[in-house]
Every structure is written in structure tokens, then in C-alpha cells.
């Protein structure tokens, strides 16, 4: 393989991507690579994977759906994290009455 041609193809492929990050779809490979896995990678890495034949660029519709699903997952994770940070205290009725009583006196 001519390395100059190889790297030229990579540069040309990377230059063809408009965005900084590209959604790609994996292809099945002989070493166990699984087909149909979507991921978002920098355009330079996407170009290498496309030139090597281990992935292809996702369609615009598929890329939009992937990004929307990732945004929903991130939002859900942030809500779960915020809920985990919420502190709860169990207060008996007697303690609550005592606290309310001391507050009413002030």
C-alpha cells in the first residue's frame, strides 16, 4: 500500500465533512467488529475508519435521530444525578412539632 495515497484519501475524506464531529455506522469486520453501531467521532477519526472500510457515514436522518437520543439520555442522566444529590431527612412527628413550635415563638 502506498502511504502517500492512503493519507491523501484520509485528508480528502476529512475535508469533505462539514461538521467537526461525524456520526458513523460500523461495518462488520473479520476481527469481530459488529455492524450497525452508531457513534459520533471527530472527523479525522471518521475519515480513517471510512477509508479503512470499518465504518461509513450515517445518513442525515439517522445522525439526527442518534444525536436526539443521546441528548435525551444525557438529560435523563443529569436528572438522576440531581435527584441523587437531593438530601432527605426523616423527621418524626414529635420533632416536627418541636421545630414548628420553636419557629412560631420567634
N, C-alpha and C. Protein backbone atom coordinates (compact mmCIF):
# COMPACT_ATOMS: atom_id res chain seq x y z
N UNK A 1 0.84 -1.19 0.00
CA UNK A 1 0.00 0.00 0.00
C UNK A 1 0.89 1.25 0.00
N UNK A 2 0.54 2.17 -0.83
CA UNK A 2 1.25 3.43 -0.93
C UNK A 2 0.74 4.36 0.17
N UNK A 3 1.58 4.70 1.11
CA UNK A 3 1.17 5.52 2.25
C UNK A 3 0.77 6.93 1.83
N UNK A 4 1.39 7.46 0.81
CA UNK A 4 1.01 8.80 0.36
C UNK A 4 -0.43 8.81 -0.14
N UNK A 5 -0.81 7.80 -0.89
CA UNK A 5 -2.18 7.70 -1.40
C UNK A 5 -3.15 7.48 -0.23
N UNK A 6 -2.77 6.63 0.71
CA UNK A 6 -3.60 6.33 1.88
C UNK A 6 -3.91 7.61 2.67
N UNK A 7 -2.88 8.36 3.01
CA UNK A 7 -3.08 9.58 3.80
C UNK A 7 -3.77 10.68 2.99
N UNK A 8 -3.57 10.70 1.70
CA UNK A 8 -4.26 11.67 0.85
C UNK A 8 -5.76 11.38 0.86
N UNK A 9 -6.13 10.10 0.79
CA UNK A 9 -7.55 9.73 0.85
C UNK A 9 -8.16 10.14 2.19
N UNK A 10 -7.40 9.95 3.26
CA UNK A 10 -7.89 10.33 4.59
C UNK A 10 -8.11 11.84 4.66
N UNK A 11 -7.14 12.61 4.19
CA UNK A 11 -7.28 14.08 4.21
C UNK A 11 -8.46 14.54 3.36
N UNK A 12 -8.62 13.96 2.19
CA UNK A 12 -9.72 14.34 1.31
C UNK A 12 -11.08 13.98 1.93
N UNK A 13 -11.14 12.81 2.54
CA UNK A 13 -12.39 12.39 3.18
C UNK A 13 -12.72 13.30 4.35
N UNK A 14 -11.73 13.62 5.18
CA UNK A 14 -11.95 14.51 6.32
C UNK A 14 -12.36 15.90 5.86
N UNK A 15 -11.79 16.37 4.78
CA UNK A 15 -12.13 17.70 4.27
C UNK A 15 -13.57 17.74 3.75
N UNK A 16 -14.10 16.60 3.38
CA UNK A 16 -15.46 16.54 2.86
C UNK A 16 -16.54 16.65 3.93
N UNK A 17 -16.16 16.52 5.20
CA UNK A 17 -17.13 16.62 6.28
C UNK A 17 -17.28 18.07 6.70
N UNK A 18 -18.52 18.52 6.79
CA UNK A 18 -18.78 19.92 7.13
C UNK A 18 -18.64 20.16 8.63
N UNK A 19 -19.05 19.21 9.45
CA UNK A 19 -19.02 19.38 10.91
C UNK A 19 -17.71 18.89 11.50
N UNK A 20 -17.44 19.35 12.70
CA UNK A 20 -16.25 18.93 13.43
C UNK A 20 -16.36 17.46 13.84
N UNK A 21 -17.58 17.03 14.21
CA UNK A 21 -17.84 15.65 14.60
C UNK A 21 -18.80 15.02 13.61
N UNK A 22 -18.60 13.72 13.37
CA UNK A 22 -19.38 13.00 12.36
C UNK A 22 -19.98 11.75 13.01
N UNK A 23 -21.24 11.48 12.69
CA UNK A 23 -21.88 10.24 13.14
C UNK A 23 -21.59 9.17 12.09
N UNK A 24 -21.02 8.05 12.56
CA UNK A 24 -20.69 6.96 11.66
C UNK A 24 -21.42 5.69 12.10
N UNK A 25 -21.52 4.74 11.17
CA UNK A 25 -22.12 3.44 11.43
C UNK A 25 -21.05 2.39 11.16
N UNK A 26 -20.85 1.51 12.12
CA UNK A 26 -19.81 0.50 11.95
C UNK A 26 -20.24 -0.56 10.95
N UNK A 27 -19.26 -1.22 10.38
CA UNK A 27 -19.47 -2.35 9.47
C UNK A 27 -18.91 -3.59 10.13
N UNK A 28 -19.39 -4.74 9.73
CA UNK A 28 -18.84 -5.99 10.24
C UNK A 28 -17.42 -6.15 9.72
N UNK A 29 -16.54 -6.60 10.60
CA UNK A 29 -15.15 -6.81 10.20
C UNK A 29 -14.75 -8.24 10.53
N UNK A 30 -13.68 -8.67 9.93
CA UNK A 30 -13.19 -10.03 10.14
C UNK A 30 -12.67 -10.28 11.53
N UNK A 31 -12.31 -9.22 12.24
CA UNK A 31 -11.77 -9.40 13.59
C UNK A 31 -12.82 -9.22 14.68
N UNK A 32 -14.10 -9.36 14.30
CA UNK A 32 -15.16 -9.32 15.31
C UNK A 32 -15.91 -8.02 15.41
N UNK A 33 -15.64 -7.08 14.53
CA UNK A 33 -16.36 -5.81 14.55
C UNK A 33 -17.84 -6.02 14.27
N UNK A 34 -18.67 -5.35 15.03
CA UNK A 34 -20.12 -5.51 14.92
C UNK A 34 -20.70 -4.45 14.00
N UNK A 35 -21.57 -4.85 13.11
CA UNK A 35 -22.17 -3.92 12.16
C UNK A 35 -23.35 -3.20 12.78
N UNK A 36 -23.56 -1.95 12.35
CA UNK A 36 -24.76 -1.21 12.74
C UNK A 36 -24.67 -0.44 14.03
N UNK A 37 -23.48 -0.26 14.57
CA UNK A 37 -23.32 0.51 15.81
C UNK A 37 -23.03 1.96 15.45
N UNK A 38 -23.87 2.86 15.94
CA UNK A 38 -23.71 4.29 15.66
C UNK A 38 -22.83 4.91 16.74
N UNK A 39 -21.99 5.84 16.32
CA UNK A 39 -21.18 6.60 17.26
C UNK A 39 -20.79 7.92 16.62
N UNK A 40 -20.46 8.89 17.47
CA UNK A 40 -20.05 10.20 16.98
C UNK A 40 -18.57 10.38 17.30
N UNK A 41 -17.79 10.67 16.27
CA UNK A 41 -16.34 10.79 16.42
C UNK A 41 -15.86 12.04 15.70
N UNK A 42 -14.65 12.52 16.04
CA UNK A 42 -14.08 13.65 15.30
C UNK A 42 -13.92 13.26 13.82
N UNK A 43 -13.99 14.26 12.96
CA UNK A 43 -13.98 13.98 11.52
C UNK A 43 -12.70 13.28 11.06
N UNK A 44 -11.58 13.52 11.73
CA UNK A 44 -10.32 12.86 11.35
C UNK A 44 -10.40 11.36 11.59
N UNK A 45 -10.99 10.96 12.72
CA UNK A 45 -11.13 9.54 13.03
C UNK A 45 -12.16 8.90 12.10
N UNK A 46 -13.24 9.63 11.83
CA UNK A 46 -14.25 9.13 10.90
C UNK A 46 -13.63 8.87 9.53
N UNK A 47 -12.79 9.78 9.08
CA UNK A 47 -12.14 9.63 7.78
C UNK A 47 -11.27 8.38 7.73
N UNK A 48 -10.52 8.13 8.79
CA UNK A 48 -9.67 6.93 8.83
C UNK A 48 -10.54 5.67 8.77
N UNK A 49 -11.63 5.65 9.55
CA UNK A 49 -12.48 4.46 9.58
C UNK A 49 -13.19 4.24 8.25
N UNK A 50 -13.59 5.31 7.59
CA UNK A 50 -14.25 5.19 6.28
C UNK A 50 -13.26 4.69 5.24
N UNK A 51 -12.06 5.26 5.23
CA UNK A 51 -11.05 4.85 4.25
C UNK A 51 -10.65 3.39 4.47
N UNK A 52 -10.55 2.97 5.73
CA UNK A 52 -10.18 1.59 6.02
C UNK A 52 -11.35 0.62 5.82
N UNK A 53 -12.56 1.13 5.67
CA UNK A 53 -13.70 0.28 5.42
C UNK A 53 -14.36 -0.31 6.65
N UNK A 54 -14.01 0.20 7.84
CA UNK A 54 -14.62 -0.32 9.06
C UNK A 54 -15.89 0.42 9.44
N UNK A 55 -16.18 1.53 8.76
CA UNK A 55 -17.38 2.30 9.06
C UNK A 55 -17.79 3.09 7.83
N UNK A 56 -19.01 3.61 7.88
CA UNK A 56 -19.48 4.52 6.84
C UNK A 56 -20.23 5.66 7.51
N UNK A 57 -20.33 6.76 6.80
CA UNK A 57 -21.02 7.92 7.36
C UNK A 57 -22.51 7.62 7.45
N UNK A 58 -23.13 8.00 8.56
CA UNK A 58 -24.56 7.80 8.74
C UNK A 58 -25.33 8.79 7.89
N UNK A 59 -26.55 8.44 7.52
CA UNK A 59 -27.40 9.36 6.79
C UNK A 59 -27.76 10.52 7.71
N UNK A 60 -28.19 11.63 7.12
CA UNK A 60 -28.54 12.80 7.93
C UNK A 60 -29.68 12.49 8.91
N UNK A 61 -30.66 11.71 8.44
CA UNK A 61 -31.80 11.36 9.30
C UNK A 61 -31.34 10.49 10.47
N UNK A 62 -30.50 9.50 10.17
CA UNK A 62 -30.01 8.61 11.21
C UNK A 62 -29.12 9.37 12.20
N UNK A 63 -28.30 10.29 11.69
CA UNK A 63 -27.43 11.08 12.55
C UNK A 63 -28.25 11.98 13.47
N UNK A 64 -29.32 12.59 12.93
CA UNK A 64 -30.18 13.44 13.75
C UNK A 64 -30.89 12.64 14.82
N UNK A 65 -31.37 11.45 14.47
CA UNK A 65 -32.02 10.59 15.46
C UNK A 65 -31.04 10.14 16.53
N UNK A 66 -29.81 9.82 16.13
CA UNK A 66 -28.78 9.41 17.09
C UNK A 66 -28.46 10.54 18.06
N UNK A 67 -28.28 11.74 17.53
CA UNK A 67 -27.95 12.88 18.39
C UNK A 67 -29.11 13.22 19.32
N UNK A 68 -30.34 13.09 18.83
CA UNK A 68 -31.51 13.36 19.67
C UNK A 68 -31.61 12.33 20.79
N UNK A 69 -31.35 11.07 20.48
CA UNK A 69 -31.37 10.03 21.51
C UNK A 69 -30.29 10.26 22.55
N UNK A 70 -29.11 10.67 22.10
CA UNK A 70 -28.01 10.95 23.04
C UNK A 70 -28.34 12.13 23.94
N UNK A 71 -28.98 13.15 23.39
CA UNK A 71 -29.37 14.32 24.19
C UNK A 71 -30.40 13.91 25.24
N UNK A 72 -31.33 13.04 24.86
CA UNK A 72 -32.34 12.58 25.82
C UNK A 72 -31.70 11.74 26.92
N UNK A 73 -30.73 10.90 26.56
CA UNK A 73 -30.01 10.10 27.55
C UNK A 73 -29.23 11.00 28.52
N UNK A 74 -28.60 12.03 27.98
CA UNK A 74 -27.83 12.95 28.81
C UNK A 74 -28.74 13.69 29.78
N UNK A 75 -29.89 14.14 29.30
CA UNK A 75 -30.85 14.85 30.15
C UNK A 75 -31.35 13.94 31.27
N UNK A 76 -31.65 12.69 30.94
CA UNK A 76 -32.11 11.73 31.95
C UNK A 76 -31.02 11.50 33.00
N UNK A 77 -29.78 11.34 32.55
CA UNK A 77 -28.67 11.12 33.47
C UNK A 77 -28.46 12.33 34.39
N UNK A 78 -28.60 13.53 33.84
CA UNK A 78 -28.45 14.73 34.66
C UNK A 78 -29.56 14.84 35.70
N UNK A 79 -30.80 14.45 35.32
CA UNK A 79 -31.90 14.45 36.29
C UNK A 79 -31.65 13.44 37.40
N UNK A 80 -31.16 12.25 37.04
CA UNK A 80 -30.86 11.23 38.04
C UNK A 80 -29.75 11.70 38.97
N UNK A 81 -28.75 12.37 38.43
CA UNK A 81 -27.65 12.88 39.25
C UNK A 81 -28.15 13.95 40.21
N UNK A 82 -29.00 14.83 39.72
CA UNK A 82 -29.56 15.88 40.57
C UNK A 82 -30.43 15.27 41.66
N UNK A 83 -31.18 14.24 41.33
CA UNK A 83 -32.03 13.58 42.32
C UNK A 83 -31.17 12.88 43.37
N UNK A 84 -30.04 12.34 42.97
CA UNK A 84 -29.16 11.66 43.91
C UNK A 84 -28.51 12.64 44.88
N UNK A 85 -28.36 13.89 44.46
CA UNK A 85 -27.75 14.89 45.31
C UNK A 85 -28.73 15.50 46.30
N UNK A 86 -30.03 15.28 46.08
CA UNK A 86 -31.05 15.84 46.96
C UNK A 86 -30.98 15.15 48.31
N UNK A 87 -30.89 15.94 49.36
CA UNK A 87 -30.80 15.38 50.71
C UNK A 87 -32.19 15.27 51.31
N UNK A 88 -32.43 14.16 51.93
CA UNK A 88 -33.69 13.93 52.61
C UNK A 88 -33.41 13.63 54.08
N UNK A 89 -34.24 14.16 54.92
CA UNK A 89 -34.13 13.87 56.35
C UNK A 89 -35.47 13.36 56.84
N UNK A 90 -35.43 12.30 57.59
CA UNK A 90 -36.65 11.76 58.16
C UNK A 90 -36.82 12.39 59.54
N UNK A 91 -37.97 13.02 59.73
CA UNK A 91 -38.25 13.71 60.97
C UNK A 91 -39.52 13.11 61.56
N UNK A 92 -39.44 12.75 62.82
CA UNK A 92 -40.64 12.21 63.47
C UNK A 92 -41.64 13.34 63.69
N UNK A 93 -42.87 12.96 63.96
CA UNK A 93 -43.93 13.95 64.18
C UNK A 93 -43.59 14.83 65.38
N UNK A 94 -43.06 14.21 66.43
CA UNK A 94 -42.71 14.98 67.63
C UNK A 94 -41.61 16.01 67.32
N UNK A 95 -40.61 15.60 66.56
CA UNK A 95 -39.55 16.53 66.19
C UNK A 95 -40.08 17.66 65.31
N UNK A 96 -40.98 17.33 64.41
CA UNK A 96 -41.57 18.35 63.54
C UNK A 96 -42.36 19.35 64.37
N UNK A 97 -43.17 18.87 65.32
CA UNK A 97 -43.94 19.76 66.18
C UNK A 97 -43.01 20.65 67.01
N UNK A 98 -41.91 20.08 67.49
CA UNK A 98 -40.95 20.86 68.26
C UNK A 98 -40.31 21.94 67.40
N UNK A 99 -39.93 21.57 66.15
CA UNK A 99 -39.33 22.55 65.25
C UNK A 99 -40.32 23.65 64.88
N UNK A 100 -41.55 23.26 64.59
CA UNK A 100 -42.56 24.25 64.24
C UNK A 100 -42.90 25.13 65.43
N UNK A 101 -42.91 24.53 66.60
CA UNK A 101 -43.21 25.31 67.81
C UNK A 101 -42.12 26.33 68.10
N UNK A 102 -40.88 25.96 67.91
CA UNK A 102 -39.78 26.90 68.17
C UNK A 102 -39.76 28.01 67.11
N UNK A 103 -40.18 27.71 65.92
CA UNK A 103 -40.23 28.71 64.86
C UNK A 103 -41.37 29.71 65.08
N UNK A 104 -42.48 29.22 65.61
CA UNK A 104 -43.63 30.09 65.85
C UNK A 104 -43.36 31.06 67.01
N UNK A 105 -42.50 30.71 67.93
CA UNK A 105 -42.17 31.57 69.07
C UNK A 105 -41.30 32.74 68.65
N UNK A 106 -40.58 32.62 67.59
CA UNK A 106 -39.65 33.68 67.17
C UNK A 106 -40.32 34.81 66.49
